[in-house]
Amino acid sequence: MRWTEGFIAVDWGTTNRRAYRIDQTGKCVDEFEDHKGVLTVPGGGFPVAVQEIRDRLGDHPLLLAGMVGSNRGWKEAPYVPCPAGLDELAQKLVWAGDREAIVPGVSYIGNAHADVMRGEEVQLLGAVAAGLVDPMGLVCHPGTHNKWALLRHSRIERFMTVMTGELFSLLKEHSILGDLLQSSVAVNDAFKGGVRAVAEHETLPADLFGVRAKVLLGQAKKEDAASYTSGLLIGADVRIGLSQPFGAQVTVIGRPELTSLYAAAVKEHGRETTELDGEQCFLAGIQEIAKRIS
């Protein structure tokens, strides 16, 4: 088996699955995405799910990252403790078969804090390897669980997770604000107002109830409620991420619809940002790991 002749890279999350066919030149020549995340795979069903990938992209070795390596995935790949770089990840690959390797996640314990990530580490370190991120910088990775990662000498030194995306979803589906949060979120005056509100006053739980009260009392428009609430939550998230005296520029990695929101919130705090596409960073990172497989 020669990985240099090409392989399939898979970013397999909880609810989604993205697979890429990488040829011998390192170019992505085919790909697909679906909603067959690890939670949709029945017990013992991963070999079938993996064969589905090969049926679509060819009979090649697989390098898998994300929740597929969790205790709810195919085979658990223990976390690599910080500080962690590409070399450490490659050394701790877990083999689920003769031609299927799983990338481990990364963990951090320190300062009375414990944290874990799976999947984001490939994007963070891929961006560094591709020269897109300062190897001594601060990276924000928005998603259901946003990550703030401090890089030192091209390795993840430490990081913190903020459950912002999940909190917004819970409020939208299961709270008294639900009917106000069905409209789309945009970077507008309402969103920026929410960011500024939590920057000036650390009263987020009260501010959230105030979203409804302002609409009821005619102090805010119903159609602005989703953007304002998102601004409150992302603003609180960004305040946490920028609470340490890191460098001036922040790199935001992920899907454009999310990076734009975080970049706008960081800008409201007077800091500059660079936005990077998460898929591009994942492909850079997974290829660097493949190069290290002996």
Protein backbone atom coordinates (compact mmCIF):
# COMPACT_ATOMS: atom_id res chain seq x y z
CA MET A 1 0.00 0.00 0.00
CA ARG A 2 1.43 3.37 -1.06
CA TRP A 3 -0.32 6.50 0.20
CA THR A 4 1.69 8.58 -2.27
CA GLU A 5 -0.36 7.00 -5.06
CA GLY A 6 -3.51 8.61 -3.69
CA PHE A 7 -6.03 8.10 -0.92
CA ILE A 8 -9.47 9.11 0.32
CA ALA A 9 -9.70 11.71 3.09
CA VAL A 10 -12.85 11.72 5.24
CA ASP A 11 -14.00 14.44 7.64
CA TRP A 12 -16.65 12.45 9.52
CA GLY A 13 -18.62 14.42 12.06
CA THR A 14 -21.60 13.77 14.29
CA THR A 15 -24.24 14.68 11.70
CA ASN A 16 -22.33 15.11 8.43
CA ARG A 17 -19.75 13.28 6.35
CA ARG A 18 -17.40 14.80 3.77
CA ALA A 19 -15.09 12.64 1.65
CA TYR A 20 -12.38 13.68 -0.82
CA ARG A 21 -10.41 11.67 -3.39
CA ILE A 22 -6.79 12.87 -3.34
CA ASP A 23 -4.67 11.85 -6.33
CA GLN A 24 -0.91 11.18 -6.44
CA THR A 25 -0.18 14.88 -7.05
CA GLY A 26 -2.05 15.92 -3.92
CA LYS A 27 -4.99 17.36 -5.87
CA CYS A 28 -8.59 16.76 -4.84
CA VAL A 29 -10.16 15.19 -7.94
CA ASP A 30 -13.55 14.12 -6.56
CA GLU A 31 -15.62 14.62 -3.44
CA PHE A 32 -19.06 14.34 -1.89
CA GLU A 33 -20.90 15.41 1.24
CA ASP A 34 -23.96 13.90 2.89
CA HIS A 35 -25.77 13.76 6.22
CA LYS A 36 -24.56 10.30 7.19
CA GLY A 37 -22.75 11.39 10.34
CA VAL A 38 -21.50 8.86 12.88
CA LEU A 39 -24.78 8.96 14.82
CA THR A 40 -26.66 7.65 11.78
CA VAL A 41 -24.47 4.54 11.47
CA PRO A 42 -26.01 1.54 13.24
CA GLY A 43 -23.95 -0.58 15.61
CA GLY A 44 -21.35 -2.51 13.67
CA GLY A 45 -22.29 -0.72 10.48
CA PHE A 46 -19.11 1.23 9.82
CA PRO A 47 -17.57 -1.30 7.39
CA VAL A 48 -20.68 -0.92 5.23
CA ALA A 49 -20.54 2.89 5.50
CA VAL A 50 -16.86 2.84 4.52
CA GLN A 51 -17.60 0.64 1.53
CA GLU A 52 -20.18 3.20 0.43
CA ILE A 53 -17.39 5.79 0.34
CA ARG A 54 -15.17 3.52 -1.76
CA ASP A 55 -18.06 2.73 -4.10
CA ARG A 56 -18.32 6.45 -4.83
CA LEU A 57 -14.65 7.49 -4.83
CA GLY A 58 -12.68 4.33 -5.65
CA ASP A 59 -10.82 1.50 -3.95
CA HIS A 60 -8.16 3.47 -2.08
CA PRO A 61 -6.76 3.74 1.45
CA LEU A 62 -8.82 5.91 3.81
CA LEU A 63 -7.57 8.52 6.27
CA LEU A 64 -10.43 9.52 8.54
CA ALA A 65 -10.77 12.39 11.02
CA GLY A 66 -13.45 13.75 13.32
CA MET A 67 -16.05 12.00 15.47
CA VAL A 68 -15.45 8.72 13.66
CA GLY A 69 -12.60 8.32 16.16
CA SER A 70 -14.76 9.02 19.21
CA ASN A 71 -16.34 6.54 21.59
CA ARG A 72 -19.48 6.88 19.45
CA GLY A 73 -17.64 6.28 16.19
CA TRP A 74 -15.99 3.37 14.42
CA LYS A 75 -12.96 2.84 16.64
CA GLU A 76 -11.83 5.13 19.43
CA ALA A 77 -8.60 7.03 18.79
CA PRO A 78 -7.33 8.35 22.15
CA TYR A 79 -6.69 12.08 22.43
CA VAL A 80 -3.18 13.45 21.97
CA PRO A 81 -2.44 15.92 24.79
CA CYS A 82 -1.35 19.49 24.13
CA PRO A 83 1.04 20.70 22.93
CA ALA A 84 0.20 18.75 19.78
CA GLY A 85 1.34 19.10 16.17
CA LEU A 86 1.09 17.12 12.96
CA ASP A 87 3.92 14.78 13.98
CA GLU A 88 2.16 13.81 17.21
CA LEU A 89 -1.12 13.16 15.38
CA ALA A 90 0.57 10.99 12.76
CA GLN A 91 2.38 8.97 15.43
CA LYS A 92 -0.91 8.16 17.20
CA LEU A 93 -3.04 7.08 14.25
CA VAL A 94 -5.39 4.22 15.07
CA TRP A 95 -5.93 1.56 12.43
CA ALA A 96 -9.49 0.29 12.04
CA GLY A 97 -8.44 -2.05 9.23
CA ASP A 98 -5.49 -2.75 6.96
CA ARG A 99 -6.18 0.36 4.87
CA GLU A 100 -8.20 2.59 7.19
CA ALA A 101 -6.44 4.94 9.62
CA ILE A 102 -8.17 7.27 12.10
CA VAL A 103 -6.64 10.57 13.19
CA PRO A 104 -6.77 11.13 16.98
CA GLY A 105 -8.28 14.23 18.53
CA VAL A 106 -6.46 16.64 20.85
CA SER A 107 -6.97 17.26 24.58
CA TYR A 108 -5.94 20.00 26.98
CA ILE A 109 -5.75 20.03 30.78
CA GLY A 110 -4.47 23.06 32.65
CA ASN A 111 -5.43 26.07 34.78
CA ALA A 112 -8.41 24.15 36.22
CA HIS A 113 -9.71 23.65 32.67
CA ALA A 114 -10.20 20.49 30.61
CA ASP A 115 -11.08 20.40 26.93
CA VAL A 116 -11.17 18.14 23.85
CA MET A 117 -11.50 18.48 20.08
CA ARG A 118 -11.91 16.09 17.17
CA GLY A 119 -11.58 17.19 13.56
CA GLU A 120 -10.75 20.84 14.15
CA GLU A 121 -7.10 19.94 14.85
CA VAL A 122 -6.62 18.83 11.23
CA GLN A 123 -7.87 22.18 9.97
CA LEU A 124 -5.88 24.25 12.48
CA LEU A 125 -2.59 22.48 11.84
CA GLY A 126 -3.27 22.24 8.10
CA ALA A 127 -3.60 26.01 7.93
CA VAL A 128 -0.26 26.36 9.71
CA ALA A 129 1.44 23.85 7.39
CA ALA A 130 0.08 25.68 4.35
CA GLY A 131 1.49 28.98 5.61
CA LEU A 132 -1.98 30.49 6.03
CA VAL A 133 -1.79 30.98 9.80
CA ASP A 134 0.84 32.48 12.07
CA PRO A 135 2.51 29.50 13.82
CA MET A 136 2.44 31.64 16.99
CA GLY A 137 -1.09 32.96 16.49
CA LEU A 138 -4.64 32.74 17.81
CA VAL A 139 -7.25 30.80 15.85
CA CYS A 140 -11.02 30.83 16.17
CA HIS A 141 -12.89 27.83 14.71
CA PRO A 142 -16.67 28.49 14.71
CA GLY A 143 -19.14 25.64 14.71
CA THR A 144 -21.63 23.98 17.02
CA HIS A 145 -18.84 24.12 19.60
CA ASN A 146 -16.49 27.00 18.79
CA LYS A 147 -12.78 26.57 19.50
CA TRP A 148 -10.25 29.22 20.49
CA ALA A 149 -6.77 27.77 20.00
CA LEU A 150 -3.41 29.27 20.86
CA LEU A 151 -0.61 28.13 18.55
CA ARG A 152 3.02 28.04 19.59
CA HIS A 153 5.78 26.90 17.22
CA SER A 154 3.23 25.33 14.81
CA ARG A 155 1.59 23.24 17.53
CA ILE A 156 -1.66 23.61 19.45
CA GLU A 157 -0.48 24.88 22.83
CA ARG A 158 -3.89 25.14 24.48
CA PHE A 159 -7.50 25.76 23.55
CA MET A 160 -10.97 26.45 24.88
CA THR A 161 -14.39 25.37 23.62
CA VAL A 162 -17.47 27.62 23.80
CA MET A 163 -20.90 26.01 23.15
CA THR A 164 -22.27 29.01 21.27
CA GLY A 165 -23.76 27.23 18.27
CA GLU A 166 -25.47 24.63 20.42
CA LEU A 167 -26.85 27.30 22.77
CA PHE A 168 -28.38 29.19 19.85
CA SER A 169 -29.93 25.96 18.57
CA LEU A 170 -31.37 25.12 21.99
CA LEU A 171 -32.83 28.60 22.34
CA LYS A 172 -34.32 28.34 18.85
CA GLU A 173 -35.88 24.93 19.39
CA HIS A 174 -36.70 24.74 23.09
CA SER A 175 -36.98 28.22 24.64
CA ILE A 176 -39.47 31.04 24.98
CA LEU A 177 -37.48 32.85 22.30
CA GLY A 178 -38.08 30.11 19.75
CA ASP A 179 -40.66 31.90 17.61
CA LEU A 180 -38.40 34.97 17.41
CA LEU A 181 -35.33 33.06 16.20
CA GLN A 182 -36.69 31.47 13.02
CA SER A 183 -35.45 34.19 10.66
CA SER A 184 -31.94 34.13 9.18
CA VAL A 185 -28.98 35.72 10.93
CA ALA A 186 -27.11 38.53 9.19
CA VAL A 187 -24.26 40.89 10.01
CA ASN A 188 -26.43 43.96 10.39
CA ASP A 189 -27.01 46.71 12.93
CA ALA A 190 -28.99 44.35 15.16
CA PHE A 191 -26.19 41.77 15.20
CA LYS A 192 -23.54 44.40 15.94
CA GLY A 193 -25.75 45.86 18.66
CA GLY A 194 -25.89 42.48 20.37
CA VAL A 195 -22.10 42.16 20.21
CA ARG A 196 -21.65 45.61 21.75
CA ALA A 197 -24.23 44.92 24.46
CA VAL A 198 -22.36 41.97 25.95
CA ALA A 199 -19.04 43.75 25.52
CA GLU A 200 -20.25 46.58 27.75
CA HIS A 201 -22.33 44.60 30.26
CA GLU A 202 -21.74 41.02 31.45
CA THR A 203 -25.45 40.31 31.80
CA LEU A 204 -26.03 37.73 29.06
CA PRO A 205 -28.85 35.70 30.75
CA ALA A 206 -30.81 38.91 31.36
CA ASP A 207 -30.03 40.23 27.87
CA LEU A 208 -31.44 37.05 26.35
CA PHE A 209 -34.80 37.45 28.09
CA GLY A 210 -34.71 41.09 27.07
CA VAL A 211 -34.85 40.01 23.42
CA ARG A 212 -38.48 39.00 23.90
CA ALA A 213 -39.35 41.92 26.14
CA LYS A 214 -38.05 44.47 23.64
CA VAL A 215 -40.18 43.01 20.86
CA LEU A 216 -43.30 42.86 23.08
CA LEU A 217 -42.85 46.49 24.14
CA GLY A 218 -42.14 47.78 20.65
CA GLN A 219 -38.49 48.55 21.34
CA ALA A 220 -37.15 46.16 18.70
CA LYS A 221 -38.37 44.56 15.48
CA LYS A 222 -39.29 40.88 15.50
CA GLU A 223 -37.33 40.31 12.29
CA ASP A 224 -34.14 41.54 14.00
CA ALA A 225 -34.42 39.20 16.98
CA ALA A 226 -32.40 36.32 15.52
CA SER A 227 -29.50 38.55 14.47
CA TYR A 228 -29.50 40.39 17.80
CA THR A 229 -29.55 37.13 19.78
CA SER A 230 -26.76 35.72 17.65
CA GLY A 231 -24.81 38.90 18.31
CA LEU A 232 -25.29 38.48 22.05
CA LEU A 233 -24.07 34.88 22.04
CA ILE A 234 -21.20 35.34 19.60
CA GLY A 235 -20.24 38.58 21.35
CA ALA A 236 -19.95 36.73 24.68
CA ASP A 237 -17.98 33.99 22.91
CA VAL A 238 -15.54 36.50 21.41
CA ARG A 239 -15.11 38.26 24.73
CA ILE A 240 -13.99 34.93 26.19
CA GLY A 241 -11.63 34.24 23.29
CA LEU A 242 -10.02 37.67 23.42
CA SER A 243 -9.71 37.74 27.21
CA GLN A 244 -6.04 36.74 27.02
CA PRO A 245 -3.36 39.17 25.76
CA PHE A 246 -2.71 37.34 22.49
CA GLY A 247 -1.39 38.84 19.27
CA ALA A 248 -3.33 41.52 17.45
CA GLN A 249 -4.64 39.43 14.54
CA VAL A 250 -7.10 36.57 14.84
CA THR A 251 -7.57 33.89 12.16
CA VAL A 252 -11.10 32.51 11.80
CA ILE A 253 -11.37 29.08 10.12
CA GLY A 254 -14.56 27.34 9.06
CA ARG A 255 -17.58 27.68 6.82
CA PRO A 256 -17.90 31.19 5.32
CA GLU A 257 -21.40 31.75 6.74
CA LEU A 258 -19.98 31.31 10.24
CA THR A 259 -16.55 32.92 9.83
CA SER A 260 -18.21 36.13 8.60
CA LEU A 261 -20.23 36.40 11.82
CA TYR A 262 -17.22 35.86 14.07
CA ALA A 263 -15.03 38.18 12.01
CA ALA A 264 -17.63 40.93 12.38
CA ALA A 265 -17.85 40.36 16.13
CA VAL A 266 -14.06 40.45 16.53
CA LYS A 267 -13.99 43.69 14.52
CA GLU A 268 -16.46 45.24 16.97
CA HIS A 269 -13.79 44.58 19.62
CA GLY A 270 -11.26 46.56 17.57
CA ARG A 271 -9.24 43.55 16.41
CA GLU A 272 -8.30 42.51 12.88
CA THR A 273 -9.17 39.11 11.44
CA THR A 274 -8.33 36.84 8.53
CA GLU A 275 -10.96 34.36 7.32
CA LEU A 276 -10.01 30.94 5.93
CA ASP A 277 -12.16 28.23 4.37
CA GLY A 278 -12.25 25.16 6.62
CA GLU A 279 -12.34 22.70 3.74
CA GLN A 280 -9.13 24.10 2.24
CA CYS A 281 -7.44 23.86 5.64
CA PHE A 282 -8.68 20.30 6.22
CA LEU A 283 -7.27 19.13 2.90
CA ALA A 284 -3.91 20.74 3.69
CA GLY A 285 -3.77 19.08 7.11
CA ILE A 286 -4.89 15.62 6.08
CA GLN A 287 -2.32 15.51 3.27
CA GLU A 288 0.44 16.45 5.70
CA ILE A 289 -0.60 13.57 7.96
CA ALA A 290 -0.70 11.17 5.00
CA LYS A 291 2.88 12.14 4.11
CA ARG A 292 3.94 11.00 7.58
CA ILE A 293 2.48 7.49 7.28
CA SER A 294 5.35 5.03 6.84
